[in-house]
Amino acid sequence: MATESGDKPAAGQVWPAHLERRRWPREPSPQKEHRVEVTPALVPLRFSTHDLPPNEQFQSWRSHMAPLVDVHLPDGKSEDDGFLAEQTAWQLGDILIVQQRTQSCSYIRDQAMLRSSPIDHWNVGILRSGRAWTEANRQVTETAPGEIFFRSLGYPYRGRMTDSVAVLVFLPYELLSRDAPLLQNANNIVLSGSLAELLASYINGLEANLGILTVEEVPRIIQTIGDMVVACAASSTSSDRGQEQTNMGLMERAHRYIHLNLHSDSLTPDVMCRALGISRTRLYQLFETSGGVFNYIRKRRLLQAYADLTNPVDTRPISEIAEAAGFDVAANFTRAFSHEFGLSPREVRKTIATERPAVPATRLARRSGATIGDWLTLAH
C-alpha cells in the first residue's frame, strides 16, 4: 500500500517517541537555494502502512518485504496492535537508496529464498536510531545508532531489530564484482575507522540532496559510493579470519567468473579451472554444497532468465531468453524453469504484464502495491 504523504498514522496510532518523525527528504541546505533550476533526476518510490487499518498493517509490511526477507512480529505482539512502517526509495541508476522507519521485528533470508530470488545485491546501511542483531555464517553482528553495517544478500542471514530509523543502500553484485572476494570477506560486519566515517558523511550529504540531483550527477555518485564501499570493506576486514575466509575468497572468484561468462558456450569446469588456477577436484569441492558446479551455473542462468522475464522493458521472445540461458530446446527451458520457480516462463511474463505493465518509470513510481523486490529489479 503506497502513500504520497505518510504524514499521519491511522487514527489512535502514534510513532514511538524515540523514533525521529521527520518528512523525507531532508530540506536542502541554504546554500543550495541559488542553484540553477533543473529537472530532478529522481522520482521517489513510497510505501507506508499508515493509512491501513491496524490489523492489516503488519501483513502489508510483510508482503512488501517478502522478496528480500521474511519478517515476523516480536513475541507477545499481535497483528491487531498495528505495525507502523514506511519507506521512501530513490533509484540512482543501478543503486537503490531506501529511507526506512519501522517498528521492531525479526527477519530471515534463508537458503530457500536464495534459490528462488534474483536479488544478490550488496547492502550497506546506517542506523539513525534503534539497534539490530544479525547472524550470518554463525557470526552475530550488533549495529548501534550511527554505525554502518555491510552485508551480502547472496548468502543467508537472520536477525532482529528494535524500533528503528535507517538509510539502506543496495548495490547490484555486478557493480562491484571485481572486488567480490574482498567484499565477501567483509560480509556481516560493522564498517569502522576513518573511511567508514567518510562514507557515512557522504551518504548523509547525499540523502539531504536526493530530491535535487540531476541526471549528469548520478554516474559520478554511483562510482563514488562503489569506490568508498570497497575501500571501507578493505580497511575494516581483519587479515586473520582463517582458511574459511580464504575459501570464501576463492569461491567469490569462481562466482565472479561465472557471472562474467554466464552466457558463454565455453563456461565449462575445465575452462574455469584454467582461469582460476585450481584443479577440478578443488573446483568440485567449492561447489559441493551448491549441488555441483553444473547445478550452480544452471541456477544462475535460470535466475537471470527470471530477472529478464520480470523486467518490464525486456520484450525479447521467451525463446531468445531461453537460448541466452543455455537452452537450445524451448521445452527443456520451460521444464527447468517451472521446476525451479513453480511457474512457467509464459506465466511469469503474463503475471508481470498484468501486475506491472511496461510504462515509464515516473508512472511506475506512483503505482501502489509495488514491493521492495520490484524497486530493486527496476534499479537493476
Protein backbone atom coordinates (compact mmCIF):
# COMPACT_ATOMS: atom_id res chain seq x y z
CA MET A 1 0.00 0.00 0.00
CA ALA A 2 1.63 3.22 -1.07
CA THR A 3 1.04 6.71 0.20
CA GLU A 4 2.25 10.03 -1.10
CA SER A 5 2.43 11.89 2.17
CA GLY A 6 2.91 9.47 5.02
CA ASP A 7 2.12 12.35 7.39
CA LYS A 8 -0.11 10.61 9.93
CA PRO A 9 -0.63 7.06 11.16
CA ALA A 10 -4.10 5.60 11.36
CA ALA A 11 -6.41 7.07 13.97
CA GLY A 12 -5.29 6.28 17.50
CA GLN A 13 -1.75 5.31 16.48
CA VAL A 14 1.39 7.31 17.08
CA TRP A 15 5.04 6.71 16.29
CA PRO A 16 7.08 5.59 19.32
CA ALA A 17 8.62 8.68 20.91
CA HIS A 18 12.21 7.58 20.26
CA LEU A 19 11.63 7.29 16.51
CA GLU A 20 12.54 10.54 14.83
CA ARG A 21 9.49 11.80 12.96
CA ARG A 22 10.51 13.92 10.02
CA ARG A 23 9.43 14.02 6.42
CA TRP A 24 11.85 12.75 3.82
CA PRO A 25 13.79 14.04 2.01
CA ARG A 26 15.59 16.48 4.27
CA GLU A 27 15.45 20.09 3.28
CA PRO A 28 18.50 21.14 1.23
CA SER A 29 20.95 23.45 2.94
CA PRO A 30 20.54 27.24 2.42
CA GLN A 31 23.45 27.48 0.02
CA LYS A 32 21.51 25.28 -2.42
CA GLU A 33 18.80 27.95 -2.85
CA HIS A 34 20.71 29.69 -5.64
CA ARG A 35 21.27 26.52 -7.64
CA VAL A 36 20.22 26.75 -11.29
CA GLU A 37 16.76 25.28 -11.79
CA VAL A 38 16.97 21.86 -13.45
CA THR A 39 14.65 18.89 -13.66
CA PRO A 40 15.42 16.47 -10.78
CA ALA A 41 16.75 13.07 -11.87
CA LEU A 42 14.95 11.07 -9.20
CA VAL A 43 11.29 10.30 -8.54
CA PRO A 44 10.76 8.82 -5.06
CA LEU A 45 9.03 5.49 -4.58
CA ARG A 46 6.93 5.34 -1.42
CA PHE A 47 5.49 2.64 0.79
CA SER A 48 3.60 3.11 4.06
CA THR A 49 1.25 1.22 6.34
CA HIS A 50 -0.12 4.47 7.83
CA ASP A 51 -3.44 4.55 6.01
CA LEU A 52 -4.33 0.90 6.63
CA PRO A 53 -6.44 -0.46 9.49
CA PRO A 54 -4.09 -1.51 12.33
CA ASN A 55 -4.87 -5.22 11.94
CA GLU A 56 -3.76 -5.13 8.27
CA GLN A 57 -0.58 -3.14 8.68
CA PHE A 58 1.88 -5.91 9.50
CA GLN A 59 0.77 -8.21 6.69
CA SER A 60 1.15 -5.29 4.28
CA TRP A 61 4.71 -4.75 5.50
CA ARG A 62 5.44 -8.47 5.33
CA SER A 63 4.23 -8.66 1.72
CA HIS A 64 6.24 -5.59 0.78
CA MET A 65 9.46 -7.08 2.22
CA ALA A 66 8.81 -10.69 1.10
CA PRO A 67 11.17 -10.64 -1.94
CA LEU A 68 14.03 -9.62 0.37
CA VAL A 69 13.34 -11.11 3.81
CA ASP A 70 10.59 -12.89 5.71
CA VAL A 71 9.64 -10.69 8.67
CA HIS A 72 7.91 -11.65 11.92
CA LEU A 73 6.47 -9.78 14.88
CA PRO A 74 8.26 -9.96 18.24
CA ASP A 75 6.99 -12.47 20.77
CA GLY A 76 3.95 -11.22 22.58
CA LYS A 77 2.90 -8.74 19.92
CA SER A 78 -0.28 -9.22 17.90
CA GLU A 79 -1.12 -8.07 14.40
CA ASP A 80 -4.17 -6.38 15.92
CA ASP A 81 -1.80 -3.98 17.71
CA GLY A 82 -0.88 -2.39 14.39
CA PHE A 83 2.53 -2.02 12.77
CA LEU A 84 3.77 1.35 11.56
CA ALA A 85 6.39 1.20 8.82
CA GLU A 86 7.36 3.35 5.87
CA GLN A 87 9.99 3.51 3.16
CA THR A 88 10.98 6.12 0.63
CA ALA A 89 13.21 4.75 -2.11
CA TRP A 90 15.39 6.56 -4.65
CA GLN A 91 16.84 4.91 -7.75
CA LEU A 92 20.27 6.19 -8.72
CA GLY A 93 20.89 4.16 -11.85
CA ASP A 94 21.73 0.67 -10.61
CA ILE A 95 21.80 1.76 -6.95
CA LEU A 96 18.74 1.91 -4.71
CA ILE A 97 18.72 4.12 -1.62
CA VAL A 98 15.93 3.43 0.88
CA GLN A 99 14.97 5.65 3.80
CA GLN A 100 13.19 3.41 6.29
CA ARG A 101 11.30 3.77 9.54
CA THR A 102 9.82 0.67 11.14
CA GLN A 103 8.77 -0.83 14.43
CA SER A 104 10.54 -3.81 15.95
CA CYS A 105 10.52 -7.13 14.09
CA SER A 106 12.68 -10.12 13.23
CA TYR A 107 13.83 -11.05 9.74
CA ILE A 108 15.31 -14.01 7.88
CA ARG A 109 16.72 -14.60 4.42
CA ASP A 110 17.18 -18.35 4.16
CA GLN A 111 18.54 -20.79 1.60
CA ALA A 112 15.11 -21.47 0.12
CA MET A 113 14.65 -17.77 -0.56
CA LEU A 114 18.10 -17.51 -2.11
CA ARG A 115 17.32 -20.34 -4.51
CA SER A 116 14.27 -18.54 -5.92
CA SER A 117 15.46 -14.93 -5.65
CA PRO A 118 17.33 -12.96 -8.32
CA ILE A 119 18.43 -10.50 -5.61
CA ASP A 120 22.14 -10.84 -4.82
CA HIS A 121 22.98 -7.22 -4.01
CA TRP A 122 25.45 -5.78 -1.55
CA ASN A 123 23.67 -3.90 1.25
CA VAL A 124 25.15 -1.01 3.22
CA GLY A 125 23.05 0.60 5.94
CA ILE A 126 23.25 3.33 8.55
CA LEU A 127 21.08 3.14 11.65
CA ARG A 128 19.80 6.55 12.71
CA SER A 129 18.11 5.08 15.79
CA GLY A 130 17.43 1.66 17.23
CA ARG A 131 19.59 -1.45 17.28
CA ALA A 132 19.90 -4.58 15.15
CA TRP A 133 21.43 -8.00 15.70
CA THR A 134 22.17 -10.07 12.57
CA GLU A 135 23.61 -13.58 12.31
CA ALA A 136 25.37 -14.79 9.17
CA ASN A 137 27.66 -17.80 8.95
CA ARG A 138 27.37 -18.32 12.74
CA GLN A 139 28.63 -14.82 13.47
CA VAL A 140 26.34 -12.27 15.15
CA THR A 141 26.90 -8.58 14.50
CA GLU A 142 25.26 -5.83 16.55
CA THR A 143 24.63 -2.48 14.88
CA ALA A 144 24.08 0.60 17.04
CA PRO A 145 22.86 4.11 16.13
CA GLY A 146 25.32 5.90 13.86
CA GLU A 147 27.08 2.69 12.78
CA ILE A 148 27.30 1.29 9.24
CA PHE A 149 26.72 -2.37 8.53
CA PHE A 150 27.74 -4.26 5.40
CA ARG A 151 26.01 -7.40 4.14
CA SER A 152 25.83 -9.66 1.08
CA LEU A 153 22.30 -10.61 0.04
CA GLY A 154 23.76 -13.57 -1.83
CA TYR A 155 24.12 -15.50 1.44
CA PRO A 156 21.58 -16.40 4.16
CA TYR A 157 21.20 -14.35 7.32
CA ARG A 158 18.71 -13.76 10.12
CA GLY A 159 18.25 -11.26 12.90
CA ARG A 160 16.03 -8.83 14.74
CA MET A 161 15.77 -5.09 15.20
CA THR A 162 14.16 -2.71 17.66
CA ASP A 163 12.05 0.24 16.55
CA SER A 164 14.46 1.94 14.17
CA VAL A 165 15.17 4.58 11.55
CA ALA A 166 17.73 3.67 8.88
CA VAL A 167 19.13 4.54 5.48
CA LEU A 168 19.83 1.48 3.30
CA VAL A 169 21.94 1.42 0.15
CA PHE A 170 21.62 -1.55 -2.24
CA LEU A 171 24.32 -2.08 -4.88
CA PRO A 172 23.97 -4.83 -7.55
CA TYR A 173 26.51 -7.64 -7.42
CA GLU A 174 27.99 -6.91 -10.83
CA LEU A 175 28.71 -3.27 -9.97
CA LEU A 176 31.39 -4.44 -7.51
CA SER A 177 32.05 -7.92 -8.91
CA ARG A 178 35.74 -7.15 -9.46
CA ASP A 179 36.16 -6.80 -5.69
CA ALA A 180 33.74 -9.59 -4.73
CA PRO A 181 36.34 -11.70 -2.81
CA LEU A 182 37.29 -8.74 -0.67
CA LEU A 183 33.69 -7.76 -0.07
CA GLN A 184 32.62 -11.28 0.84
CA ASN A 185 35.33 -11.35 3.50
CA ALA A 186 33.60 -8.30 4.99
CA ASN A 187 30.13 -9.88 4.98
CA ASN A 188 28.03 -9.02 8.03
CA ILE A 189 30.45 -6.65 9.74
CA VAL A 190 30.17 -3.13 11.06
CA LEU A 191 32.38 -0.87 8.97
CA SER A 192 34.77 1.11 11.14
CA GLY A 193 37.60 3.62 11.00
CA SER A 194 38.06 6.98 9.32
CA LEU A 195 36.97 5.69 5.89
CA ALA A 196 33.70 4.46 7.36
CA GLU A 197 33.14 7.89 8.88
CA LEU A 198 33.73 9.45 5.48
CA LEU A 199 31.27 7.04 3.87
CA ALA A 200 28.66 7.90 6.50
CA SER A 201 29.21 11.62 5.88
CA TYR A 202 28.87 11.11 2.14
CA ILE A 203 25.62 9.15 2.49
CA ASN A 204 24.28 11.77 4.90
CA GLY A 205 25.05 14.55 2.45
CA LEU A 206 23.63 12.58 -0.44
CA GLU A 207 20.41 11.87 1.48
CA ALA A 208 19.94 15.59 2.11
CA ASN A 209 20.01 16.29 -1.63
CA LEU A 210 18.24 13.30 -3.18
CA GLY A 211 15.35 15.42 -4.35
CA ILE A 212 17.50 17.84 -6.37
CA LEU A 213 20.10 15.61 -8.03
CA THR A 214 20.46 15.88 -11.81
CA VAL A 215 20.93 13.15 -14.39
CA GLU A 216 24.51 14.28 -15.03
CA GLU A 217 25.45 13.80 -11.36
CA VAL A 218 24.20 10.21 -10.97
CA PRO A 219 27.04 8.27 -12.70
CA ARG A 220 29.71 10.01 -10.61
CA ILE A 221 27.73 9.34 -7.43
CA ILE A 222 27.42 5.64 -8.28
CA GLN A 223 31.17 5.41 -8.89
CA THR A 224 31.98 7.25 -5.68
CA ILE A 225 29.73 5.11 -3.50
CA GLY A 226 31.14 1.91 -5.01
CA ASP A 227 34.74 3.02 -4.50
CA MET A 228 34.09 4.11 -0.92
CA VAL A 229 32.32 0.86 -0.01
CA VAL A 230 35.22 -1.21 -1.34
CA ALA A 231 37.76 0.95 0.50
CA CYS A 232 35.79 0.68 3.76
CA ALA A 233 35.46 -3.08 3.45
CA ALA A 234 39.20 -3.42 2.84
CA SER A 235 40.10 -1.32 5.87
CA SER A 236 37.51 -2.93 8.18
CA THR A 237 38.34 -6.57 7.48
CA SER A 238 40.91 -8.26 9.69
CA SER A 239 43.68 -10.18 7.94
CA ASP A 240 43.39 -13.30 10.14
CA ARG A 241 39.88 -14.62 9.54
CA GLY A 242 41.39 -18.03 8.72
CA GLN A 243 41.20 -20.62 5.99
CA GLU A 244 37.42 -20.35 5.86
CA GLN A 245 37.71 -16.80 4.55
CA THR A 246 40.40 -17.88 2.10
CA ASN A 247 37.94 -20.41 0.75
CA MET A 248 35.28 -17.69 0.62
CA GLY A 249 37.64 -15.56 -1.46
CA LEU A 250 38.26 -18.40 -3.89
CA MET A 251 34.55 -19.13 -4.04
CA GLU A 252 33.84 -15.49 -4.88
CA ARG A 253 36.45 -15.58 -7.63
CA ALA A 254 34.61 -18.57 -9.05
CA HIS A 255 31.25 -16.81 -8.66
CA ARG A 256 32.62 -13.72 -10.37
CA TYR A 257 33.99 -15.76 -13.27
CA ILE A 258 30.62 -17.46 -13.73
CA HIS A 259 28.81 -14.14 -13.56
CA LEU A 260 31.03 -12.51 -16.17
CA ASN A 261 30.81 -15.51 -18.50
CA LEU A 262 27.28 -16.63 -17.69
CA HIS A 263 26.10 -16.76 -21.30
CA SER A 264 29.32 -18.10 -22.81
CA ASP A 265 29.25 -21.51 -24.51
CA SER A 266 32.74 -22.14 -23.16
CA LEU A 267 31.71 -21.90 -19.49
CA THR A 268 32.89 -25.38 -18.51
CA PRO A 269 34.72 -26.82 -15.49
CA ASP A 270 37.95 -27.26 -17.47
CA VAL A 271 37.93 -23.64 -18.63
CA MET A 272 37.11 -22.44 -15.11
CA CYS A 273 39.94 -24.46 -13.61
CA ARG A 274 42.44 -22.90 -16.01
CA ALA A 275 41.10 -19.40 -15.37
CA LEU A 276 41.13 -19.81 -11.57
CA GLY A 277 44.34 -21.81 -11.39
CA ILE A 278 42.82 -24.71 -9.45
CA SER A 279 42.23 -28.42 -10.02
CA ARG A 280 38.91 -29.99 -10.98
CA THR A 281 38.81 -31.67 -7.58
CA ARG A 282 39.19 -28.31 -5.84
CA LEU A 283 36.51 -26.77 -8.05
CA TYR A 284 34.07 -29.56 -7.26
CA GLN A 285 34.80 -29.18 -3.53
CA LEU A 286 33.97 -25.49 -3.69
CA PHE A 287 30.56 -26.15 -5.23
CA GLU A 288 29.71 -29.30 -3.32
CA THR A 289 27.18 -27.52 -1.06
CA SER A 290 25.58 -25.93 -4.14
CA GLY A 291 24.86 -29.30 -5.72
CA GLY A 292 27.87 -29.12 -8.04
CA VAL A 293 29.28 -26.55 -10.42
CA PHE A 294 26.93 -27.50 -13.27
CA ASN A 295 23.93 -27.11 -10.98
CA TYR A 296 25.15 -23.72 -9.78
CA ILE A 297 25.65 -22.43 -13.33
CA ARG A 298 22.22 -23.71 -14.31
CA LYS A 299 20.59 -21.97 -11.34
CA ARG A 300 22.34 -18.68 -12.07
CA ARG A 301 21.22 -18.82 -15.70
CA LEU A 302 17.65 -19.55 -14.65
CA LEU A 303 17.75 -16.68 -12.15
CA GLN A 304 18.96 -14.36 -14.89
CA ALA A 305 16.17 -15.60 -17.14
CA TYR A 306 13.67 -14.92 -14.34
CA ALA A 307 15.05 -11.38 -13.96
CA ASP A 308 14.79 -10.86 -17.73
CA LEU A 309 11.20 -12.13 -17.84
CA THR A 310 10.17 -9.83 -14.97
CA ASN A 311 11.90 -6.81 -16.48
CA PRO A 312 9.09 -4.67 -17.94
CA VAL A 313 11.36 -3.18 -20.61
CA ASP A 314 12.77 -6.53 -21.81
CA THR A 315 10.46 -7.53 -24.68
CA ARG A 316 12.60 -10.31 -26.17
CA PRO A 317 10.76 -13.51 -27.11
CA ILE A 318 10.89 -16.22 -24.48
CA SER A 319 12.78 -18.43 -26.94
CA GLU A 320 15.56 -15.85 -27.13
CA ILE A 321 15.79 -15.62 -23.34
CA ALA A 322 15.88 -19.42 -23.20
CA GLU A 323 18.75 -19.53 -25.69
CA ALA A 324 20.68 -16.93 -23.67
CA ALA A 325 20.19 -19.18 -20.63
CA GLY A 326 21.87 -22.04 -22.46
CA PHE A 327 18.78 -23.98 -23.57
CA ASP A 328 18.58 -24.81 -27.27
CA VAL A 329 15.23 -26.57 -26.82
CA ALA A 330 12.40 -24.36 -25.54
CA ALA A 331 10.62 -27.29 -23.89
CA ASN A 332 13.71 -28.07 -21.79
CA PHE A 333 13.89 -24.44 -20.68
CA THR A 334 10.21 -24.41 -19.71
CA ARG A 335 10.59 -27.65 -17.78
CA ALA A 336 13.69 -26.47 -15.87
CA PHE A 337 12.24 -23.01 -15.22
CA SER A 338 8.92 -24.38 -13.95
CA HIS A 339 10.70 -26.83 -11.65
CA GLU A 340 12.85 -24.03 -10.20
CA PHE A 341 10.19 -21.34 -9.71
CA GLY A 342 6.84 -23.14 -9.72
CA LEU A 343 5.59 -21.13 -12.72
CA SER A 344 6.28 -21.44 -16.43
CA PRO A 345 8.17 -18.64 -18.23
CA ARG A 346 4.95 -17.65 -20.02
CA GLU A 347 3.03 -17.50 -16.72
CA VAL A 348 5.70 -15.32 -15.12
CA ARG A 349 5.73 -12.88 -18.01
CA LYS A 350 1.91 -12.80 -18.13
CA THR A 351 1.69 -12.17 -14.38
CA ILE A 352 4.22 -9.35 -14.52
CA ALA A 353 2.49 -7.78 -17.54
CA THR A 354 -0.80 -7.84 -15.63
CA GLU A 355 0.53 -6.57 -12.31
CA ARG A 356 3.21 -4.21 -13.59
CA PRO A 357 2.66 -3.03 -17.17
CA ALA A 358 5.62 -1.67 -19.11
CA VAL A 359 5.06 2.05 -18.57
CA PRO A 360 7.51 4.90 -17.94
CA ALA A 361 9.34 4.89 -14.61
CA THR A 362 7.57 8.03 -13.46
CA ARG A 363 4.24 6.17 -13.60
CA LEU A 364 5.66 3.03 -12.06
CA ALA A 365 6.96 5.14 -9.21
CA ARG A 366 3.43 6.23 -8.39
CA ARG A 367 1.80 2.81 -8.58
CA SER A 368 0.60 1.40 -5.29
CA GLY A 369 1.41 -2.11 -4.20
CA ALA A 370 5.00 -2.33 -5.52
CA THR A 371 7.34 -4.38 -3.29
CA ILE A 372 10.94 -3.72 -2.41
CA GLY A 373 11.77 -6.53 -4.84
CA ASP A 374 10.13 -4.54 -7.65
CA TRP A 375 12.19 -1.50 -6.68
CA LEU A 376 15.42 -3.49 -6.75
CA THR A 377 14.51 -5.02 -10.12
CA LEU A 378 13.76 -1.61 -11.60
CA ALA A 379 17.02 -0.16 -10.25
CA HIS A 380 18.89 -3.16 -11.57
